[in-house]
Amino acid sequence: MKLGIDLCSFEAVHGGGKDQVAYYLIQGFTMLGHTDEMVWICREELVPRLRGFSETVTIRTIETTEEGLSHTYWKRDLYRIIQEEGIDVLLFTSKFTPRAKYPVPTVSIEHDVQYLIPALYGSWLKLRPRWLPKDRIKIILDFINRDRIVAISDYDRSVMEKYVPFARGKIQRIYDPVVFRGPVLPRTGRETSITAINIQHAHKNTLTLVRAFAAIADRIPHRLVCIGIPPKDMDPIRECIEEHSLQDRILFTGFVEDMQEYIRDTALYVNPSTFEGFGMTAVEMMGAGIPVLAADNSAQKEVTMGRGRYYSPAADAEALAGAMLDALKNPPSEDELQESARLVREAYDRIRCAEAYWAFLSDLSGGKAV
């Protein structure tokens, strides 16, 4: 099988979890020895990063405009690359794929399908097509044009099957690969921080976390560390911090390349997100041997194997504050943390996930998995 991997929606700057999933996946394919069986298609600016994964893999670059991808790429250039490279199956590593069919089977990984959930965004099934938000239309077209769709959790698959019923036969669940960068950390009891990671978007529910911390700050010695690009609307968060005089207790780090310093200091990792199709950060922290507290919704309990602490509803600051206090006062034992770390490291290992992808894609192409 010759696998084409479309990375053209990614830029050199860090774009979030979907970028990481793609990079971990191609690393897994490379580690499995499939270098000569792949073609990576990307913007020129991404080549140095990809060459860090493989010096010999075939990379095809495409031109971009100031607005992003040139319209001719998906309409003309991709057809040419497929023919010239002898590609048997094509993988799109993010949603919003071209509104076109191709002469080979195509697969997309549909991250962030919360656009399909009526409880959050209203049901597209009850709206006239001209009223549909632009992004939602694009997602629906992905389900029409692609031959297979990858769901990144059983929950993710259930949402797709319910709200895009015509595509049920196309959907395959394969968990996201995760790279655990450091060792499993033994707890010393001297950890000083409550930590949250990937806080940028509204559904990450950062304001609720800050309010919950403010409610218990006078009863605990910890600081709150929020890692990642800050939310666009920081005004209500700043107001809450100032109202409770917590400027010295709450830290927003911005994007951090190496988080090991913060991870070592973490007494409790909190993910209050109102929706997660997978929830990589909670898995990463559990894999580091850190206690995890997450909102009990979407895929969060599934991917953490029910081995964390959970609270509900996600946007209830009082419920979160109580759960944080309880988790800090009654942490898991060291044996429990070590076992949880072992289980998630094994389940989401990038080689194991790459093997599942390769077998699935090879079968789709009509070939045999190597």
Protein backbone atom coordinates (compact mmCIF):
# COMPACT_ATOMS: atom_id res chain seq x y z
CA MET A 1 0.00 0.00 0.00
CA LYS A 2 1.15 3.54 -0.80
CA LEU A 3 -0.45 5.89 1.72
CA GLY A 4 -0.86 9.59 1.03
CA ILE A 5 -1.23 11.78 4.11
CA ASP A 6 -2.65 15.26 3.59
CA LEU A 7 -1.20 17.72 6.13
CA CYS A 8 -1.97 20.85 4.14
CA SER A 9 -4.29 22.42 6.69
CA PHE A 10 -1.41 22.63 9.19
CA GLU A 11 0.95 25.60 9.52
CA ALA A 12 4.37 25.81 11.12
CA VAL A 13 2.91 27.39 14.26
CA HIS A 14 1.35 25.02 16.80
CA GLY A 15 -2.32 24.56 15.97
CA GLY A 16 -3.53 22.38 18.84
CA GLY A 17 -4.40 18.76 19.46
CA LYS A 18 -5.31 17.80 15.90
CA ASP A 19 -1.79 18.72 14.78
CA GLN A 20 -0.29 16.58 17.52
CA VAL A 21 -2.43 13.59 16.60
CA ALA A 22 -1.22 13.77 13.00
CA TYR A 23 2.43 14.10 14.01
CA TYR A 24 2.21 11.25 16.52
CA LEU A 25 0.53 9.08 13.91
CA ILE A 26 3.15 9.63 11.21
CA GLN A 27 5.85 9.04 13.82
CA GLY A 28 4.17 5.74 14.61
CA PHE A 29 4.03 4.77 10.92
CA THR A 30 7.72 5.63 10.58
CA MET A 31 8.67 3.62 13.66
CA LEU A 32 6.80 0.65 12.17
CA GLY A 33 9.02 0.81 9.09
CA HIS A 34 6.51 2.23 6.58
CA THR A 35 8.68 5.16 5.45
CA ASP A 36 8.92 3.98 1.84
CA GLU A 37 5.17 3.39 1.69
CA MET A 38 4.11 6.96 2.50
CA VAL A 39 3.81 10.34 0.80
CA TRP A 40 3.37 13.36 3.07
CA ILE A 41 1.68 16.34 1.38
CA CYS A 42 2.13 19.72 3.08
CA ARG A 43 2.90 23.42 2.86
CA GLU A 44 6.55 24.31 2.27
CA GLU A 45 6.82 25.84 5.74
CA LEU A 46 6.10 22.47 7.36
CA VAL A 47 8.95 20.56 5.68
CA PRO A 48 11.64 21.25 8.34
CA ARG A 49 9.37 19.89 11.06
CA LEU A 50 8.44 16.80 9.07
CA ARG A 51 12.06 16.11 8.17
CA GLY A 52 12.67 15.83 11.89
CA PHE A 53 10.48 12.70 11.77
CA SER A 54 12.07 11.19 8.64
CA GLU A 55 14.91 12.27 6.35
CA THR A 56 13.92 9.89 3.57
CA VAL A 57 10.11 9.84 3.32
CA THR A 58 8.65 11.35 0.16
CA ILE A 59 7.28 14.85 0.81
CA ARG A 60 5.26 16.78 -1.76
CA THR A 61 4.69 20.47 -1.14
CA ILE A 62 1.92 22.72 -2.40
CA GLU A 63 1.60 26.47 -2.86
CA THR A 64 -0.52 28.60 -0.57
CA THR A 65 -1.96 32.09 -0.86
CA GLU A 66 -2.35 34.82 1.75
CA GLU A 67 -5.77 33.36 2.50
CA GLY A 68 -4.39 29.84 2.95
CA LEU A 69 -4.73 26.89 0.62
CA SER A 70 -4.99 27.63 -3.07
CA HIS A 71 -8.31 26.45 -4.49
CA THR A 72 -6.42 24.67 -7.28
CA TYR A 73 -4.65 22.39 -4.81
CA TRP A 74 -7.66 20.23 -4.01
CA LYS A 75 -9.18 20.65 -7.48
CA ARG A 76 -6.11 19.89 -9.56
CA ASP A 77 -2.79 19.39 -7.77
CA LEU A 78 -3.95 16.64 -5.43
CA TYR A 79 -5.22 14.58 -8.36
CA ARG A 80 -1.81 14.95 -10.01
CA ILE A 81 0.09 13.95 -6.85
CA ILE A 82 -2.09 10.86 -6.43
CA GLN A 83 -1.30 9.75 -9.98
CA GLU A 84 2.40 10.62 -9.96
CA GLU A 85 3.12 8.95 -6.61
CA GLY A 86 0.90 5.90 -7.16
CA ILE A 87 -1.10 6.59 -4.00
CA ASP A 88 -3.57 3.82 -3.09
CA VAL A 89 -5.43 5.49 -0.24
CA LEU A 90 -5.49 9.08 1.06
CA LEU A 91 -5.76 10.14 4.70
CA PHE A 92 -6.93 13.63 5.67
CA THR A 93 -5.76 14.30 9.21
CA SER A 94 -8.34 16.95 10.06
CA LYS A 95 -11.92 17.90 9.31
CA PHE A 96 -12.97 20.25 6.50
CA THR A 97 -11.67 18.19 3.60
CA PRO A 98 -12.18 19.04 -0.09
CA ARG A 99 -15.61 18.97 -1.62
CA ALA A 100 -14.48 16.40 -4.14
CA LYS A 101 -14.22 12.71 -4.80
CA TYR A 102 -10.89 11.18 -5.77
CA PRO A 103 -9.84 8.12 -7.79
CA VAL A 104 -8.64 6.37 -4.61
CA PRO A 105 -10.38 5.71 -1.26
CA THR A 106 -10.23 8.66 1.14
CA VAL A 107 -10.43 8.81 4.93
CA SER A 108 -10.76 11.77 7.30
CA ILE A 109 -10.22 12.08 11.04
CA GLU A 110 -13.15 14.18 12.23
CA HIS A 111 -12.03 16.04 15.34
CA ASP A 112 -14.41 18.39 17.15
CA VAL A 113 -17.77 17.12 15.98
CA GLN A 114 -19.50 19.08 18.74
CA TYR A 115 -20.89 21.12 15.85
CA LEU A 116 -23.34 18.24 15.45
CA ILE A 117 -24.63 18.23 19.02
CA PRO A 118 -28.04 19.95 19.40
CA ALA A 119 -27.55 20.56 23.14
CA LEU A 120 -24.70 22.95 22.30
CA TYR A 121 -25.34 24.30 18.86
CA GLY A 122 -28.88 23.46 17.77
CA SER A 123 -29.82 20.64 15.46
CA TRP A 124 -28.83 21.06 11.83
CA LEU A 125 -31.53 18.52 11.05
CA LYS A 126 -34.21 21.11 11.95
CA LEU A 127 -32.70 24.00 10.01
CA ARG A 128 -32.94 24.92 6.37
CA PRO A 129 -29.65 24.44 4.51
CA ARG A 130 -29.12 28.16 3.87
CA TRP A 131 -29.20 28.78 7.62
CA LEU A 132 -26.54 26.25 8.50
CA PRO A 133 -23.30 27.66 9.93
CA LYS A 134 -20.49 27.45 7.41
CA ASP A 135 -18.35 25.06 9.46
CA ARG A 136 -21.24 22.69 10.03
CA ILE A 137 -21.93 22.49 6.31
CA LYS A 138 -18.29 21.61 5.72
CA ILE A 139 -18.43 18.81 8.27
CA ILE A 140 -21.54 17.31 6.75
CA LEU A 141 -19.87 17.41 3.33
CA ASP A 142 -16.94 15.47 4.80
CA PHE A 143 -19.34 12.68 5.70
CA ILE A 144 -20.71 12.74 2.15
CA ASN A 145 -17.42 12.88 0.23
CA ARG A 146 -15.09 10.68 2.23
CA ASP A 147 -15.19 6.89 1.93
CA ARG A 148 -14.45 6.33 5.62
CA ILE A 149 -14.58 8.51 8.74
CA VAL A 150 -12.42 7.92 11.82
CA ALA A 151 -14.07 8.54 15.19
CA ILE A 152 -11.55 9.11 17.97
CA SER A 153 -13.64 7.52 20.74
CA ASP A 154 -16.75 5.39 21.15
CA TYR A 155 -18.58 8.50 22.33
CA ASP A 156 -17.43 10.38 19.24
CA ARG A 157 -18.72 7.54 17.08
CA SER A 158 -22.09 7.50 18.86
CA VAL A 159 -22.56 11.23 18.18
CA MET A 160 -21.76 10.78 14.51
CA GLU A 161 -24.05 7.79 14.15
CA LYS A 162 -26.93 9.62 15.82
CA TYR A 163 -26.71 12.95 14.01
CA VAL A 164 -25.30 11.80 10.66
CA PRO A 165 -27.20 8.52 10.30
CA PHE A 166 -26.58 8.20 6.57
CA ALA A 167 -22.84 7.77 7.29
CA ARG A 168 -23.06 5.01 9.90
CA GLY A 169 -21.49 2.42 7.64
CA LYS A 170 -18.47 4.66 7.02
CA ILE A 171 -17.41 5.20 10.63
CA GLN A 172 -14.47 3.41 12.25
CA ARG A 173 -13.38 4.07 15.84
CA ILE A 174 -9.62 4.33 16.39
CA TYR A 175 -8.29 6.05 19.49
CA ASP A 176 -5.83 8.93 19.20
CA PRO A 177 -2.13 8.18 19.63
CA VAL A 178 -0.45 9.84 22.60
CA VAL A 179 3.24 10.43 23.29
CA PHE A 180 4.16 10.37 26.97
CA ARG A 181 7.25 12.53 27.07
CA GLY A 182 8.47 11.98 30.60
CA PRO A 183 8.57 9.15 33.14
CA VAL A 184 5.76 8.20 35.47
CA LEU A 185 6.24 10.57 38.38
CA PRO A 186 6.13 9.29 41.96
CA ARG A 187 4.09 11.59 44.18
CA THR A 188 6.00 13.30 46.96
CA GLY A 189 3.09 15.05 48.66
CA ARG A 190 4.85 18.37 48.12
CA GLU A 191 3.28 19.25 44.77
CA THR A 192 2.21 22.89 44.71
CA SER A 193 -0.08 23.33 41.71
CA ILE A 194 -3.51 22.59 40.31
CA THR A 195 -2.96 22.47 36.56
CA ALA A 196 -5.07 22.84 33.42
CA ILE A 197 -3.77 22.51 29.86
CA ASN A 198 -5.19 23.63 26.50
CA ILE A 199 -7.43 26.42 27.75
CA GLN A 200 -7.98 28.51 24.63
CA HIS A 201 -11.44 27.66 23.36
CA ALA A 202 -14.78 28.46 24.99
CA HIS A 203 -15.71 24.80 25.54
CA LYS A 204 -12.55 24.36 27.64
CA ASN A 205 -14.54 26.15 30.36
CA THR A 206 -11.61 28.05 31.87
CA LEU A 207 -13.76 30.68 33.59
CA THR A 208 -15.57 27.97 35.58
CA LEU A 209 -12.20 26.60 36.69
CA VAL A 210 -11.01 30.03 37.85
CA ARG A 211 -14.26 30.62 39.74
CA ALA A 212 -14.01 27.22 41.39
CA PHE A 213 -10.42 27.88 42.44
CA ALA A 214 -11.40 31.28 43.83
CA ALA A 215 -14.08 29.59 45.96
CA ILE A 216 -11.53 27.33 47.70
CA ALA A 217 -8.31 29.35 47.47
CA ASP A 218 -8.39 30.31 51.16
CA ARG A 219 -8.59 26.62 52.14
CA ILE A 220 -5.69 25.25 50.10
CA PRO A 221 -2.03 26.25 49.64
CA HIS A 222 -1.87 25.48 45.91
CA ARG A 223 -1.65 27.83 42.97
CA LEU A 224 -3.63 27.40 39.74
CA VAL A 225 -1.52 27.06 36.59
CA CYS A 226 -3.28 27.37 33.21
CA ILE A 227 -1.04 26.24 30.35
CA GLY A 228 -1.65 27.16 26.72
CA ILE A 229 -2.87 30.02 24.59
CA PRO A 230 -5.24 32.10 26.76
CA PRO A 231 -8.95 32.32 25.93
CA LYS A 232 -9.92 35.12 23.56
CA ASP A 233 -12.28 36.60 26.14
CA MET A 234 -10.06 37.07 29.18
CA ASP A 235 -12.00 40.00 30.66
CA PRO A 236 -14.37 37.98 32.92
CA ILE A 237 -11.44 35.80 34.01
CA ARG A 238 -9.34 38.84 34.93
CA GLU A 239 -12.29 40.35 36.77
CA CYS A 240 -12.70 37.19 38.85
CA ILE A 241 -8.98 37.07 39.65
CA GLU A 242 -8.93 40.73 40.68
CA GLU A 243 -12.15 40.46 42.68
CA HIS A 244 -10.60 37.72 44.84
CA SER A 245 -7.07 39.22 44.85
CA LEU A 246 -5.58 36.07 43.32
CA GLN A 247 -3.06 37.68 40.98
CA ASP A 248 -0.23 35.88 42.80
CA ARG A 249 -2.04 32.53 42.94
CA ILE A 250 -3.21 32.08 39.32
CA LEU A 251 -0.70 31.81 36.47
CA PHE A 252 -1.45 31.86 32.73
CA THR A 253 1.74 30.62 31.06
CA GLY A 254 0.86 31.03 27.39
CA PHE A 255 1.99 28.32 24.97
CA VAL A 256 4.72 26.13 26.50
CA GLU A 257 6.84 23.74 24.41
CA ASP A 258 8.18 21.72 27.36
CA MET A 259 5.73 21.36 30.25
CA GLN A 260 7.79 19.03 32.43
CA GLU A 261 8.55 21.69 35.03
CA TYR A 262 4.85 22.38 35.54
CA ILE A 263 3.90 18.70 35.45
CA ARG A 264 6.34 17.86 38.23
CA ASP A 265 4.66 20.43 40.48
CA THR A 266 1.10 19.25 39.75
CA ALA A 267 -0.92 17.90 42.67
CA LEU A 268 -4.12 17.66 40.58
CA TYR A 269 -4.84 17.98 36.89
CA VAL A 270 -8.30 19.41 36.10
CA ASN A 271 -10.15 19.26 32.78
CA PRO A 272 -13.50 21.06 33.15
CA SER A 273 -14.21 20.97 29.41
CA THR A 274 -17.86 20.89 28.36
CA PHE A 275 -16.97 18.57 25.49
CA GLU A 276 -14.08 16.32 24.49
CA GLY A 277 -14.09 14.01 21.50
CA PHE A 278 -11.02 12.38 23.04
CA GLY A 279 -9.35 14.55 25.69
CA MET A 280 -5.63 14.07 25.17
CA THR A 281 -4.38 16.25 28.03
CA ALA A 282 -6.17 14.20 30.69
CA VAL A 283 -4.68 11.02 29.22
CA GLU A 284 -1.21 12.61 29.13
CA MET A 285 -1.44 13.64 32.77
CA MET A 286 -2.78 10.25 33.86
CA GLY A 287 0.11 8.68 31.96
CA ALA A 288 2.51 10.83 33.97
CA GLY A 289 1.15 9.46 37.24
CA ILE A 290 -0.84 12.58 38.15
CA PRO A 291 -4.33 12.53 39.72
CA VAL A 292 -6.95 13.62 37.18
CA LEU A 293 -10.28 15.34 37.76
CA ALA A 294 -12.54 15.81 34.72
CA ALA A 295 -16.08 16.83 33.94
CA ASP A 296 -18.25 13.73 33.61
CA ASN A 297 -19.30 14.21 30.00
CA SER A 298 -18.60 13.19 26.40
CA ALA A 299 -15.49 10.97 26.07
CA GLN A 300 -13.66 11.98 29.23
CA LYS A 301 -14.48 9.02 31.45
CA GLU A 302 -14.09 6.61 28.51
CA VAL A 303 -10.56 7.64 27.53
CA THR A 304 -9.38 7.86 31.14
CA MET A 305 -10.85 4.37 31.66
CA GLY A 306 -12.92 5.52 34.63
CA ARG A 307 -9.73 5.78 36.68
CA GLY A 308 -9.92 9.51 37.42
CA ARG A 309 -12.27 11.60 39.52
CA TYR A 310 -15.30 13.16 37.85
CA TYR A 311 -17.84 15.88 38.57
CA SER A 312 -21.02 17.20 36.98
CA PRO A 313 -22.35 19.46 35.57
CA ALA A 314 -19.26 20.84 33.86
CA ALA A 315 -20.22 24.53 34.12
CA ASP A 316 -21.11 24.35 37.83
CA ALA A 317 -18.26 26.13 39.63
CA GLU A 318 -19.56 25.03 43.05
CA ALA A 319 -19.58 21.35 42.00
CA LEU A 320 -16.08 21.68 40.59
CA ALA A 321 -14.79 23.43 43.72
CA GLY A 322 -16.13 20.62 45.92
CA ALA A 323 -14.63 17.95 43.66
CA MET A 324 -11.25 19.70 43.69
CA LEU A 325 -11.23 19.88 47.48
CA ASP A 326 -12.16 16.21 47.79
CA ALA A 327 -9.54 15.14 45.23
CA LEU A 328 -6.82 17.07 47.05
CA LYS A 329 -7.80 15.76 50.49
CA ASN A 330 -8.30 12.15 49.35
CA PRO A 331 -5.84 11.51 46.51
CA PRO A 332 -5.42 8.10 44.84
CA SER A 333 -2.77 5.82 46.27
CA GLU A 334 0.61 5.61 44.59
CA ASP A 335 -0.22 2.09 43.41
CA GLU A 336 -3.45 3.32 41.80
CA LEU A 337 -1.66 6.14 40.02
CA GLN A 338 1.07 3.84 38.75
CA GLU A 339 -1.47 1.32 37.44
CA SER A 340 -3.51 4.03 35.73
CA ALA A 341 -0.35 5.34 34.08
CA ARG A 342 0.58 1.88 32.83
CA LEU A 343 -2.86 1.24 31.36
CA VAL A 344 -3.16 4.50 29.40
CA ARG A 345 0.44 4.35 28.19
CA GLU A 346 -0.24 0.92 26.79
CA ALA A 347 -3.67 1.70 25.30
CA TYR A 348 -2.71 4.91 23.48
CA ASP A 349 0.89 4.16 22.55
CA ARG A 350 1.58 5.73 19.15
CA ILE A 351 2.90 2.47 17.68
CA ARG A 352 -0.17 0.55 18.79
CA CYS A 353 -2.49 3.21 17.36
CA ALA A 354 -0.45 3.42 14.14
CA GLU A 355 -0.79 -0.35 13.74
CA ALA A 356 -4.57 -0.05 13.99
CA TYR A 357 -4.62 2.76 11.43
CA TRP A 358 -2.31 0.93 9.02
CA ALA A 359 -4.39 -2.25 9.11
CA PHE A 360 -7.60 -0.26 8.57
CA LEU A 361 -6.18 1.79 5.69
CA SER A 362 -4.53 -1.20 4.05
CA ASP A 363 -7.78 -3.11 4.12
CA LEU A 364 -9.57 -0.14 2.56
CA SER A 365 -7.00 0.08 -0.22
CA GLY A 366 -7.45 -3.62 -1.01
CA GLY A 367 -3.93 -4.39 0.07
CA LYS A 368 -2.48 -6.32 2.98
CA ALA A 369 -1.15 -4.75 6.16
CA VAL A 370 2.61 -5.13 6.46
